[in-house]
């Protein structure tokens, strides 16, 4: 099943400069193993502890495996996170930036932008984005590689993908982490370089 789903997803971006991040959170071992057997080597996880339990035993067996943290990161989990993850997509506050710079100065990071300014959602406000980017990129000299967003469910995703693309151009950033199972094809049209796909690849979770 995963091989067929992967082929279908790849048909949408075979001519695009984009990486598929397989969102493996809460997936059972058999589906993780099936994905690995299908050749997938880039996975996204939301929680540090869950990811550690799942991937720490597997990582030595797959030297080309890349793990991306796509969920909120607490400052007290930074040390644990950098031991496992190769990239962080959810940088969104100065305290977190300072901690990441201290413990892993070169790790690639995406700034998560709350494009809809939703109070319940993580991400830096668009009103604070320019200052925060300058703090991370210039003051701390972090390895900021791109921007990430999760559009509001009740608004057209294209508006938010377009806004993120605009900010990326302003900051001269090449990477855009945007688009999930329901809208990755649209995100690709707005220049997504990293799409985060879960249910479209693995199927719906039973829990």
N, C-alpha and C. Protein backbone atom coordinates (compact mmCIF):
# COMPACT_ATOMS: atom_id res chain seq x y z
N UNK A 1 0.82 -1.21 0.00
CA UNK A 1 0.00 0.00 0.00
C UNK A 1 0.86 1.26 0.00
N UNK A 2 1.85 1.30 0.87
CA UNK A 2 2.68 2.50 0.98
C UNK A 2 3.44 2.75 -0.31
N UNK A 3 3.91 1.68 -0.96
CA UNK A 3 4.64 1.85 -2.22
C UNK A 3 3.74 2.48 -3.28
N UNK A 4 2.49 2.03 -3.35
CA UNK A 4 1.55 2.61 -4.32
C UNK A 4 1.24 4.06 -3.98
N UNK A 5 1.02 4.34 -2.70
CA UNK A 5 0.74 5.71 -2.27
C UNK A 5 1.93 6.63 -2.57
N UNK A 6 3.12 6.12 -2.33
CA UNK A 6 4.33 6.90 -2.60
C UNK A 6 4.45 7.24 -4.08
N UNK A 7 4.16 6.26 -4.92
CA UNK A 7 4.24 6.49 -6.36
C UNK A 7 3.22 7.55 -6.79
N UNK A 8 2.03 7.52 -6.20
CA UNK A 8 1.00 8.50 -6.54
C UNK A 8 1.41 9.90 -6.11
N UNK A 9 1.96 10.02 -4.90
CA UNK A 9 2.41 11.32 -4.40
C UNK A 9 3.54 11.86 -5.26
N UNK A 10 4.49 11.01 -5.57
CA UNK A 10 5.65 11.45 -6.35
C UNK A 10 5.26 11.91 -7.74
N UNK A 11 4.14 11.41 -8.26
CA UNK A 11 3.71 11.82 -9.60
C UNK A 11 3.35 13.30 -9.64
N UNK A 12 3.05 13.87 -8.46
CA UNK A 12 2.68 15.29 -8.40
C UNK A 12 3.91 16.19 -8.37
N UNK A 13 5.06 15.67 -7.96
CA UNK A 13 6.20 16.56 -7.82
C UNK A 13 7.47 16.02 -8.49
N UNK A 14 7.30 15.14 -9.45
CA UNK A 14 8.48 14.57 -10.10
C UNK A 14 9.29 15.63 -10.84
N UNK A 15 8.68 16.73 -11.20
CA UNK A 15 9.40 17.80 -11.88
C UNK A 15 9.66 18.99 -10.95
N UNK A 16 9.34 18.82 -9.67
CA UNK A 16 9.53 19.90 -8.71
C UNK A 16 10.73 19.62 -7.83
N UNK A 17 11.32 20.69 -7.31
CA UNK A 17 12.46 20.56 -6.41
C UNK A 17 11.94 20.45 -4.99
N UNK A 18 11.48 19.26 -4.64
CA UNK A 18 10.84 19.08 -3.34
C UNK A 18 11.19 17.73 -2.73
N UNK A 19 11.27 17.71 -1.40
CA UNK A 19 11.50 16.47 -0.66
C UNK A 19 10.22 16.07 0.04
N UNK A 20 9.95 14.77 0.04
CA UNK A 20 8.82 14.23 0.77
C UNK A 20 9.26 13.86 2.17
N UNK A 21 8.60 14.45 3.17
CA UNK A 21 8.82 14.07 4.56
C UNK A 21 7.66 13.19 4.97
N UNK A 22 7.94 11.93 5.25
CA UNK A 22 6.90 10.99 5.66
C UNK A 22 6.60 11.19 7.14
N UNK A 23 5.40 11.66 7.43
CA UNK A 23 5.02 11.96 8.82
C UNK A 23 4.65 10.66 9.51
N UNK A 24 5.56 10.21 10.36
CA UNK A 24 5.43 8.85 10.92
C UNK A 24 4.91 8.82 12.35
N UNK A 25 4.46 9.94 12.86
CA UNK A 25 3.97 9.97 14.24
C UNK A 25 2.82 8.99 14.44
N UNK A 26 2.89 8.25 15.56
CA UNK A 26 1.85 7.31 15.99
C UNK A 26 1.61 6.16 15.01
N UNK A 27 2.50 5.99 14.05
CA UNK A 27 2.32 4.88 13.12
C UNK A 27 2.87 3.59 13.75
N UNK A 28 2.23 2.45 13.50
CA UNK A 28 2.70 1.18 14.05
C UNK A 28 4.00 0.73 13.38
N UNK A 29 4.71 -0.15 14.05
CA UNK A 29 6.00 -0.61 13.54
C UNK A 29 5.93 -1.20 12.15
N UNK A 30 4.84 -1.93 11.87
CA UNK A 30 4.77 -2.58 10.57
C UNK A 30 4.71 -1.57 9.42
N UNK A 31 4.05 -0.43 9.66
CA UNK A 31 3.99 0.58 8.61
C UNK A 31 5.31 1.33 8.48
N UNK A 32 6.00 1.54 9.59
CA UNK A 32 7.31 2.17 9.53
C UNK A 32 8.26 1.29 8.73
N UNK A 33 8.25 -0.01 9.02
CA UNK A 33 9.12 -0.94 8.32
C UNK A 33 8.76 -1.02 6.84
N UNK A 34 7.45 -0.96 6.54
CA UNK A 34 7.03 -0.98 5.14
C UNK A 34 7.53 0.25 4.40
N UNK A 35 7.47 1.40 5.07
CA UNK A 35 7.97 2.64 4.46
C UNK A 35 9.47 2.57 4.20
N UNK A 36 10.20 2.05 5.17
CA UNK A 36 11.64 1.89 4.99
C UNK A 36 11.95 0.94 3.84
N UNK A 37 11.19 -0.15 3.74
CA UNK A 37 11.39 -1.11 2.65
C UNK A 37 11.03 -0.51 1.29
N UNK A 38 10.15 0.50 1.30
CA UNK A 38 9.78 1.19 0.06
C UNK A 38 10.84 2.20 -0.37
N UNK A 39 11.87 2.37 0.47
CA UNK A 39 12.96 3.28 0.12
C UNK A 39 12.86 4.66 0.73
N UNK A 40 11.85 4.91 1.54
CA UNK A 40 11.71 6.22 2.18
C UNK A 40 12.79 6.38 3.25
N UNK A 41 13.45 7.54 3.24
CA UNK A 41 14.52 7.77 4.20
C UNK A 41 14.39 9.11 4.92
N UNK A 42 13.36 9.87 4.63
CA UNK A 42 13.15 11.14 5.32
C UNK A 42 11.81 11.07 6.05
N UNK A 43 11.86 11.18 7.37
CA UNK A 43 10.67 11.05 8.19
C UNK A 43 10.51 12.27 9.09
N UNK A 44 9.25 12.60 9.39
CA UNK A 44 8.94 13.72 10.27
C UNK A 44 8.22 13.23 11.51
N UNK A 45 8.61 13.77 12.65
CA UNK A 45 8.00 13.41 13.92
C UNK A 45 7.61 14.67 14.69
N UNK A 46 6.55 14.54 15.51
CA UNK A 46 6.04 15.68 16.26
C UNK A 46 6.58 15.78 17.68
N UNK A 47 6.90 14.64 18.27
CA UNK A 47 7.31 14.62 19.68
C UNK A 47 8.67 13.95 19.84
N UNK A 48 9.50 14.58 20.63
CA UNK A 48 10.88 14.10 20.80
C UNK A 48 10.92 12.73 21.44
N UNK A 49 10.16 12.54 22.52
CA UNK A 49 10.22 11.28 23.25
C UNK A 49 9.70 10.12 22.40
N UNK A 50 8.57 10.32 21.74
CA UNK A 50 8.01 9.27 20.89
C UNK A 50 8.97 8.94 19.76
N UNK A 51 9.57 9.96 19.18
CA UNK A 51 10.50 9.74 18.07
C UNK A 51 11.74 8.99 18.53
N UNK A 52 12.21 9.29 19.72
CA UNK A 52 13.39 8.61 20.25
C UNK A 52 13.12 7.12 20.42
N UNK A 53 11.96 6.80 20.95
CA UNK A 53 11.61 5.39 21.15
C UNK A 53 11.52 4.65 19.82
N UNK A 54 11.02 5.33 18.81
CA UNK A 54 10.80 4.69 17.51
C UNK A 54 12.09 4.60 16.70
N UNK A 55 12.88 5.66 16.70
CA UNK A 55 13.97 5.75 15.73
C UNK A 55 15.36 5.48 16.29
N UNK A 56 15.58 5.66 17.57
CA UNK A 56 16.92 5.42 18.11
C UNK A 56 17.39 4.00 17.83
N UNK A 57 16.53 2.98 17.96
CA UNK A 57 16.99 1.62 17.64
C UNK A 57 17.20 1.39 16.14
N UNK A 58 16.50 2.13 15.30
CA UNK A 58 16.57 1.91 13.86
C UNK A 58 17.69 2.70 13.19
N UNK A 59 18.01 3.85 13.72
CA UNK A 59 18.92 4.77 13.05
C UNK A 59 20.28 4.16 12.72
N UNK A 60 20.87 3.35 13.61
CA UNK A 60 22.18 2.76 13.26
C UNK A 60 22.12 1.83 12.04
N UNK A 61 20.95 1.29 11.74
CA UNK A 61 20.81 0.37 10.61
C UNK A 61 20.54 1.08 9.29
N UNK A 62 20.29 2.39 9.35
CA UNK A 62 19.99 3.15 8.13
C UNK A 62 20.83 4.43 8.14
N UNK A 63 22.06 4.35 7.69
CA UNK A 63 22.96 5.51 7.75
C UNK A 63 22.49 6.71 6.92
N UNK A 64 21.61 6.47 5.95
CA UNK A 64 21.09 7.56 5.11
C UNK A 64 19.76 8.11 5.63
N UNK A 65 19.33 7.66 6.79
CA UNK A 65 18.07 8.12 7.38
C UNK A 65 18.18 9.58 7.83
N UNK A 66 17.15 10.37 7.55
CA UNK A 66 17.09 11.75 7.99
C UNK A 66 15.78 11.98 8.75
N UNK A 67 15.88 12.54 9.94
CA UNK A 67 14.70 12.80 10.77
C UNK A 67 14.50 14.29 10.95
N UNK A 68 13.27 14.72 10.70
CA UNK A 68 12.91 16.13 10.81
C UNK A 68 11.89 16.31 11.95
N UNK A 69 12.16 17.25 12.83
CA UNK A 69 11.20 17.57 13.89
C UNK A 69 10.21 18.58 13.34
N UNK A 70 8.93 18.17 13.27
CA UNK A 70 7.92 19.05 12.67
C UNK A 70 6.86 19.46 13.69
N UNK A 71 7.06 19.10 14.96
CA UNK A 71 6.16 19.49 16.04
C UNK A 71 6.83 20.47 16.98
N UNK A 72 6.06 21.10 17.85
CA UNK A 72 6.61 22.09 18.78
C UNK A 72 7.74 21.50 19.63
N UNK A 73 8.76 22.31 19.87
CA UNK A 73 9.91 21.87 20.66
C UNK A 73 10.00 22.70 21.93
N UNK A 74 9.97 22.02 23.07
CA UNK A 74 10.17 22.70 24.35
C UNK A 74 11.66 22.91 24.56
N UNK A 75 11.99 24.01 25.20
CA UNK A 75 13.40 24.34 25.41
C UNK A 75 14.13 23.26 26.19
N UNK A 76 13.43 22.65 27.15
CA UNK A 76 14.09 21.62 27.97
C UNK A 76 14.27 20.30 27.24
N UNK A 77 13.79 20.22 26.00
CA UNK A 77 13.95 19.00 25.21
C UNK A 77 14.99 19.18 24.09
N UNK A 78 15.64 20.34 24.04
CA UNK A 78 16.57 20.63 22.95
C UNK A 78 17.73 19.64 22.93
N UNK A 79 18.34 19.40 24.08
CA UNK A 79 19.49 18.48 24.13
C UNK A 79 19.12 17.11 23.61
N UNK A 80 17.94 16.62 23.99
CA UNK A 80 17.50 15.31 23.54
C UNK A 80 17.20 15.32 22.05
N UNK A 81 16.59 16.41 21.58
CA UNK A 81 16.19 16.51 20.18
C UNK A 81 17.38 16.49 19.24
N UNK A 82 18.42 17.21 19.58
CA UNK A 82 19.55 17.33 18.66
C UNK A 82 20.36 16.05 18.55
N UNK A 83 20.17 15.14 19.49
CA UNK A 83 20.84 13.85 19.41
C UNK A 83 20.20 12.96 18.34
N UNK A 84 18.95 13.24 18.02
CA UNK A 84 18.19 12.39 17.11
C UNK A 84 17.90 13.04 15.77
N UNK A 85 17.49 14.31 15.80
CA UNK A 85 16.98 14.95 14.59
C UNK A 85 18.09 15.62 13.78
N UNK A 86 17.86 15.62 12.47
CA UNK A 86 18.79 16.25 11.54
C UNK A 86 18.36 17.65 11.14
N UNK A 87 17.10 17.99 11.41
CA UNK A 87 16.57 19.29 11.01
C UNK A 87 15.38 19.63 11.89
N UNK A 88 15.23 20.90 12.21
CA UNK A 88 14.12 21.38 13.04
C UNK A 88 13.27 22.36 12.23
N UNK A 89 11.97 22.09 12.15
CA UNK A 89 11.07 22.91 11.34
C UNK A 89 10.26 23.90 12.17
N UNK A 90 10.42 23.92 13.48
CA UNK A 90 9.48 24.64 14.35
C UNK A 90 10.16 25.65 15.26
N UNK A 91 11.15 26.34 14.75
CA UNK A 91 11.80 27.42 15.50
C UNK A 91 10.86 28.63 15.52
N UNK A 92 10.47 29.08 16.72
CA UNK A 92 9.46 30.14 16.76
C UNK A 92 9.58 31.13 17.92
N UNK A 93 10.69 31.08 18.68
CA UNK A 93 10.84 32.04 19.77
C UNK A 93 12.32 32.18 20.14
N UNK A 94 12.65 33.32 20.73
CA UNK A 94 14.05 33.64 20.97
C UNK A 94 14.70 32.71 21.98
N UNK A 95 13.99 32.32 23.03
CA UNK A 95 14.55 31.41 24.03
C UNK A 95 14.93 30.08 23.41
N UNK A 96 14.07 29.57 22.53
CA UNK A 96 14.36 28.32 21.84
C UNK A 96 15.55 28.49 20.90
N UNK A 97 15.59 29.59 20.19
CA UNK A 97 16.69 29.85 19.27
C UNK A 97 18.03 29.88 20.01
N UNK A 98 18.05 30.55 21.15
CA UNK A 98 19.28 30.66 21.93
C UNK A 98 19.75 29.29 22.41
N UNK A 99 18.81 28.45 22.82
CA UNK A 99 19.15 27.12 23.30
C UNK A 99 19.68 26.23 22.16
N UNK A 100 19.03 26.28 21.02
CA UNK A 100 19.49 25.50 19.88
C UNK A 100 20.88 25.95 19.45
N UNK A 101 21.10 27.25 19.41
CA UNK A 101 22.41 27.78 19.03
C UNK A 101 23.49 27.31 19.99
N UNK A 102 23.16 27.24 21.26
CA UNK A 102 24.13 26.82 22.28
C UNK A 102 24.52 25.36 22.12
N UNK A 103 23.53 24.51 21.88
CA UNK A 103 23.78 23.07 21.90
C UNK A 103 24.04 22.47 20.52
N UNK A 104 23.55 23.11 19.47
CA UNK A 104 23.75 22.59 18.11
C UNK A 104 23.81 23.76 17.13
N UNK A 105 24.91 24.49 17.12
CA UNK A 105 24.98 25.74 16.36
C UNK A 105 24.78 25.61 14.86
N UNK A 106 25.01 24.41 14.32
CA UNK A 106 24.95 24.26 12.86
C UNK A 106 23.72 23.51 12.36
N UNK A 107 22.85 23.06 13.25
CA UNK A 107 21.71 22.26 12.80
C UNK A 107 20.78 23.11 11.92
N UNK A 108 20.35 22.60 10.78
CA UNK A 108 19.44 23.35 9.91
C UNK A 108 18.09 23.58 10.59
N UNK A 109 17.60 24.80 10.50
CA UNK A 109 16.32 25.16 11.13
C UNK A 109 15.43 25.92 10.17
N UNK A 110 14.14 25.60 10.23
CA UNK A 110 13.10 26.39 9.57
C UNK A 110 12.43 27.25 10.64
N UNK A 111 12.15 28.48 10.33
CA UNK A 111 11.33 29.32 11.21
C UNK A 111 9.87 29.02 10.92
N UNK A 112 9.13 28.62 11.96
CA UNK A 112 7.70 28.37 11.79
C UNK A 112 6.94 29.69 11.89
N UNK A 113 6.16 29.97 10.88
CA UNK A 113 5.42 31.23 10.81
C UNK A 113 3.93 30.95 11.01
N UNK A 114 3.33 31.64 11.94
CA UNK A 114 1.89 31.53 12.18
C UNK A 114 1.19 32.49 11.22
N UNK A 115 1.06 32.05 9.97
CA UNK A 115 0.57 32.94 8.91
C UNK A 115 -0.86 33.42 9.15
N UNK A 116 -1.63 32.66 9.92
CA UNK A 116 -3.00 33.06 10.22
C UNK A 116 -3.14 33.77 11.54
N UNK A 117 -2.01 33.99 12.23
CA UNK A 117 -2.01 34.63 13.55
C UNK A 117 -3.05 34.00 14.47
N UNK A 118 -3.07 32.66 14.48
CA UNK A 118 -4.01 31.91 15.32
C UNK A 118 -3.43 31.77 16.74
N UNK A 119 -4.21 32.16 17.72
CA UNK A 119 -3.72 32.18 19.10
C UNK A 119 -3.37 30.79 19.61
N UNK A 120 -4.08 29.78 19.14
CA UNK A 120 -3.87 28.42 19.65
C UNK A 120 -2.76 27.68 18.92
N UNK A 121 -2.14 28.31 17.95
CA UNK A 121 -1.17 27.60 17.12
C UNK A 121 0.24 28.14 17.35
N UNK A 122 1.21 27.24 17.27
CA UNK A 122 2.61 27.64 17.40
C UNK A 122 3.04 28.44 16.17
N UNK A 123 4.19 29.07 16.28
CA UNK A 123 4.72 29.84 15.16
C UNK A 123 4.85 31.30 15.51
N UNK A 124 5.82 31.94 14.92
CA UNK A 124 6.05 33.37 15.16
C UNK A 124 5.02 34.18 14.38
N UNK A 125 4.50 35.20 14.99
CA UNK A 125 3.53 36.08 14.33
C UNK A 125 4.17 36.78 13.13
N UNK A 126 3.37 37.02 12.11
CA UNK A 126 3.90 37.74 10.95
C UNK A 126 4.37 39.14 11.33
N UNK A 127 3.78 39.72 12.36
CA UNK A 127 4.20 41.04 12.82
C UNK A 127 5.59 41.03 13.44
N UNK A 128 6.01 39.86 13.93
CA UNK A 128 7.30 39.74 14.60
C UNK A 128 8.34 39.00 13.76
N UNK A 129 7.93 38.56 12.58
CA UNK A 129 8.78 37.67 11.79
C UNK A 129 10.09 38.32 11.37
N UNK A 130 10.04 39.54 10.87
CA UNK A 130 11.27 40.18 10.38
C UNK A 130 12.29 40.33 11.51
N UNK A 131 11.84 40.81 12.65
CA UNK A 131 12.74 40.96 13.80
C UNK A 131 13.30 39.60 14.23
N UNK A 132 12.44 38.59 14.27
CA UNK A 132 12.87 37.26 14.73
C UNK A 132 13.86 36.64 13.75
N UNK A 133 13.58 36.76 12.47
CA UNK A 133 14.51 36.24 11.47
C UNK A 133 15.88 36.90 11.62
N UNK A 134 15.89 38.21 11.78
CA UNK A 134 17.16 38.92 11.91
C UNK A 134 17.90 38.51 13.18
N UNK A 135 17.14 38.27 14.25
CA UNK A 135 17.76 37.82 15.51
C UNK A 135 18.43 36.46 15.31
N UNK A 136 17.73 35.54 14.67
CA UNK A 136 18.27 34.19 14.47
C UNK A 136 19.42 34.18 13.47
N UNK A 137 19.21 34.83 12.33
CA UNK A 137 20.18 34.75 11.23
C UNK A 137 21.39 35.65 11.45
N UNK A 138 21.17 36.83 12.01
CA UNK A 138 22.26 37.81 12.14
C UNK A 138 22.86 37.84 13.54
N UNK A 139 22.02 38.00 14.55
CA UNK A 139 22.54 38.09 15.92
C UNK A 139 23.13 36.76 16.39
N UNK A 140 22.43 35.67 16.13
CA UNK A 140 22.90 34.36 16.59
C UNK A 140 23.68 33.60 15.52
N UNK A 141 23.57 34.04 14.28
CA UNK A 141 24.25 33.37 13.16
C UNK A 141 23.85 31.89 13.09
N UNK A 142 22.55 31.63 13.23
CA UNK A 142 22.05 30.26 13.14
C UNK A 142 21.96 29.82 11.68
N UNK A 143 21.82 28.53 11.49
CA UNK A 143 21.69 27.96 10.16
C UNK A 143 20.20 27.93 9.77
N UNK A 144 19.68 29.10 9.43
CA UNK A 144 18.27 29.21 9.02
C UNK A 144 18.18 28.89 7.54
N UNK A 145 17.48 27.79 7.23
CA UNK A 145 17.44 27.32 5.85
C UNK A 145 16.12 27.60 5.15
N UNK A 146 15.08 27.97 5.92
CA UNK A 146 13.79 28.21 5.28
C UNK A 146 12.70 28.57 6.26
N UNK A 147 11.47 28.62 5.75
CA UNK A 147 10.29 28.95 6.54
C UNK A 147 9.29 27.80 6.47
N UNK A 148 8.49 27.68 7.52
CA UNK A 148 7.47 26.63 7.59
C UNK A 148 6.15 27.22 8.03
N UNK A 149 5.03 26.66 7.55
CA UNK A 149 3.72 27.10 8.03
C UNK A 149 2.71 25.97 7.98
N UNK A 150 1.66 26.14 8.78
CA UNK A 150 0.48 25.26 8.76
C UNK A 150 -0.72 26.19 8.61
N UNK A 151 -1.31 26.29 7.42
CA UNK A 151 -2.41 27.23 7.21
C UNK A 151 -3.63 26.91 8.07
N UNK A 152 -4.44 27.93 8.41
CA UNK A 152 -5.70 27.68 9.12
C UNK A 152 -6.60 26.76 8.31
N UNK A 153 -7.36 25.92 9.01
CA UNK A 153 -8.21 24.96 8.32
C UNK A 153 -9.37 25.62 7.59
N UNK A 154 -9.80 26.79 8.07
CA UNK A 154 -10.99 27.41 7.51
C UNK A 154 -10.68 28.54 6.52
N UNK A 155 -9.44 28.59 6.03
CA UNK A 155 -9.06 29.60 5.05
C UNK A 155 -8.36 28.94 3.87
N UNK A 156 -8.42 29.57 2.69
CA UNK A 156 -7.75 28.99 1.53
C UNK A 156 -6.24 28.86 1.77
N UNK A 157 -5.72 27.66 1.61
CA UNK A 157 -4.31 27.42 1.89
C UNK A 157 -3.40 28.23 0.98
N UNK A 158 -3.84 28.44 -0.24
CA UNK A 158 -3.00 29.15 -1.20
C UNK A 158 -2.59 30.54 -0.73
N UNK A 159 -3.48 31.22 -0.01
CA UNK A 159 -3.16 32.55 0.49
C UNK A 159 -1.96 32.50 1.44
N UNK A 160 -1.91 31.47 2.25
CA UNK A 160 -0.85 31.34 3.24
C UNK A 160 0.44 30.82 2.62
N UNK A 161 0.31 29.91 1.64
CA UNK A 161 1.49 29.45 0.93
C UNK A 161 2.14 30.62 0.17
N UNK A 162 1.30 31.44 -0.45
CA UNK A 162 1.81 32.60 -1.17
C UNK A 162 2.50 33.60 -0.26
N UNK A 163 1.93 33.79 0.93
CA UNK A 163 2.53 34.72 1.90
C UNK A 163 3.89 34.20 2.37
N UNK A 164 3.96 32.90 2.65
CA UNK A 164 5.22 32.33 3.10
C UNK A 164 6.29 32.43 2.01
N UNK A 165 5.87 32.19 0.78
CA UNK A 165 6.80 32.32 -0.35
C UNK A 165 7.32 33.74 -0.47
N UNK A 166 6.47 34.70 -0.24
CA UNK A 166 6.87 36.11 -0.30
C UNK A 166 7.92 36.44 0.75
N UNK A 167 7.71 35.96 1.98
CA UNK A 167 8.67 36.22 3.04
C UNK A 167 9.99 35.49 2.76
N UNK A 168 9.92 34.30 2.22
CA UNK A 168 11.14 33.56 1.91
C UNK A 168 11.99 34.32 0.89
N UNK A 169 11.33 34.92 -0.08
CA UNK A 169 12.06 35.72 -1.07
C UNK A 169 12.69 36.94 -0.41
N UNK A 170 11.96 37.55 0.50
CA UNK A 170 12.47 38.74 1.20
C UNK A 170 13.75 38.41 1.98
N UNK A 171 13.78 37.23 2.59
CA UNK A 171 14.93 36.82 3.40
C UNK A 171 15.97 36.05 2.58
N UNK A 172 15.69 35.87 1.30
CA UNK A 172 16.59 35.12 0.42
C UNK A 172 16.78 33.69 0.92
N UNK A 173 15.67 33.07 1.32
CA UNK A 173 15.68 31.69 1.78
C UNK A 173 15.12 30.79 0.68
N UNK A 174 15.78 29.67 0.43
CA UNK A 174 15.41 28.81 -0.68
C UNK A 174 14.37 27.76 -0.33
N UNK A 175 14.20 27.47 0.97
CA UNK A 175 13.37 26.33 1.35
C UNK A 175 12.04 26.74 1.99
N UNK A 176 11.00 26.03 1.60
CA UNK A 176 9.67 26.25 2.14
C UNK A 176 9.08 24.91 2.57
N UNK A 177 8.83 24.76 3.87
CA UNK A 177 8.21 23.56 4.41
C UNK A 177 6.72 23.83 4.54
N UNK A 178 5.95 23.36 3.58
CA UNK A 178 4.51 23.64 3.60
C UNK A 178 3.80 22.63 2.71
N UNK A 179 2.58 22.33 3.11
CA UNK A 179 1.79 21.35 2.39
C UNK A 179 1.77 20.02 3.11
N UNK A 180 0.55 19.51 3.34
CA UNK A 180 0.37 18.22 4.00
C UNK A 180 -0.51 17.34 3.10
N UNK A 181 -1.05 16.27 3.66
CA UNK A 181 -1.76 15.30 2.83
C UNK A 181 -2.88 15.92 2.00
N UNK A 182 -3.59 16.90 2.57
CA UNK A 182 -4.75 17.46 1.88
C UNK A 182 -4.43 18.58 0.91
N UNK A 183 -3.20 19.11 0.94
CA UNK A 183 -2.94 20.28 0.09
C UNK A 183 -1.50 20.33 -0.43
N UNK A 184 -0.77 19.22 -0.38
CA UNK A 184 0.63 19.26 -0.81
C UNK A 184 0.76 19.61 -2.29
N UNK A 185 -0.21 19.18 -3.12
CA UNK A 185 -0.13 19.48 -4.54
C UNK A 185 -0.23 20.98 -4.79
N UNK A 186 -1.07 21.67 -4.00
CA UNK A 186 -1.18 23.12 -4.11
C UNK A 186 0.09 23.79 -3.59
N UNK A 187 0.63 23.28 -2.50
CA UNK A 187 1.85 23.85 -1.94
C UNK A 187 3.00 23.80 -2.94
N UNK A 188 3.06 22.72 -3.70
CA UNK A 188 4.12 22.59 -4.69
C UNK A 188 4.03 23.70 -5.74
N UNK A 189 2.82 24.10 -6.07
CA UNK A 189 2.63 25.17 -7.05
C UNK A 189 3.13 26.51 -6.53
N UNK A 190 3.21 26.63 -5.20
CA UNK A 190 3.70 27.87 -4.58
C UNK A 190 5.17 27.75 -4.16
N UNK A 191 5.82 26.70 -4.63
CA UNK A 191 7.25 26.59 -4.42
C UNK A 191 7.70 25.79 -3.21
N UNK A 192 6.83 24.93 -2.67
CA UNK A 192 7.23 24.11 -1.53
C UNK A 192 8.44 23.25 -1.89
N UNK A 193 9.42 23.22 -0.99
CA UNK A 193 10.59 22.36 -1.19
C UNK A 193 10.54 21.15 -0.27
N UNK A 194 9.69 21.21 0.76
CA UNK A 194 9.52 20.10 1.69
C UNK A 194 8.01 19.96 1.97
N UNK A 195 7.45 18.81 1.60
CA UNK A 195 6.04 18.55 1.90
C UNK A 195 5.95 17.48 2.98
N UNK A 196 5.03 17.68 3.92
CA UNK A 196 4.93 16.81 5.10
C UNK A 196 3.66 15.97 4.97
N UNK A 197 3.82 14.72 4.56
CA UNK A 197 2.67 13.89 4.21
C UNK A 197 2.56 12.70 5.15
N UNK A 198 1.38 12.55 5.77
CA UNK A 198 1.14 11.44 6.69
C UNK A 198 0.09 10.48 6.17
N UNK A 199 -1.20 10.84 6.35
CA UNK A 199 -2.29 9.92 6.02
C UNK A 199 -2.34 9.56 4.54
N UNK A 200 -1.95 10.46 3.67
CA UNK A 200 -1.94 10.16 2.23
C UNK A 200 -0.94 9.06 1.90
N UNK A 201 0.08 8.94 2.73
CA UNK A 201 1.10 7.93 2.52
C UNK A 201 0.83 6.66 3.31
N UNK A 202 0.56 6.82 4.60
CA UNK A 202 0.40 5.67 5.49
C UNK A 202 -1.03 5.16 5.59
N UNK A 203 -1.99 5.98 5.18
CA UNK A 203 -3.39 5.66 5.41
C UNK A 203 -3.84 6.27 6.72
N UNK A 204 -5.13 6.31 6.93
CA UNK A 204 -5.68 6.92 8.15
C UNK A 204 -5.28 6.10 9.37
N UNK A 205 -4.92 6.81 10.45
CA UNK A 205 -4.59 6.11 11.70
C UNK A 205 -5.86 5.60 12.37
N UNK A 206 -5.74 4.48 13.04
CA UNK A 206 -6.89 3.90 13.72
C UNK A 206 -7.05 4.42 15.12
N UNK A 207 -6.07 5.19 15.61
CA UNK A 207 -6.15 5.76 16.97
C UNK A 207 -5.52 7.11 17.00
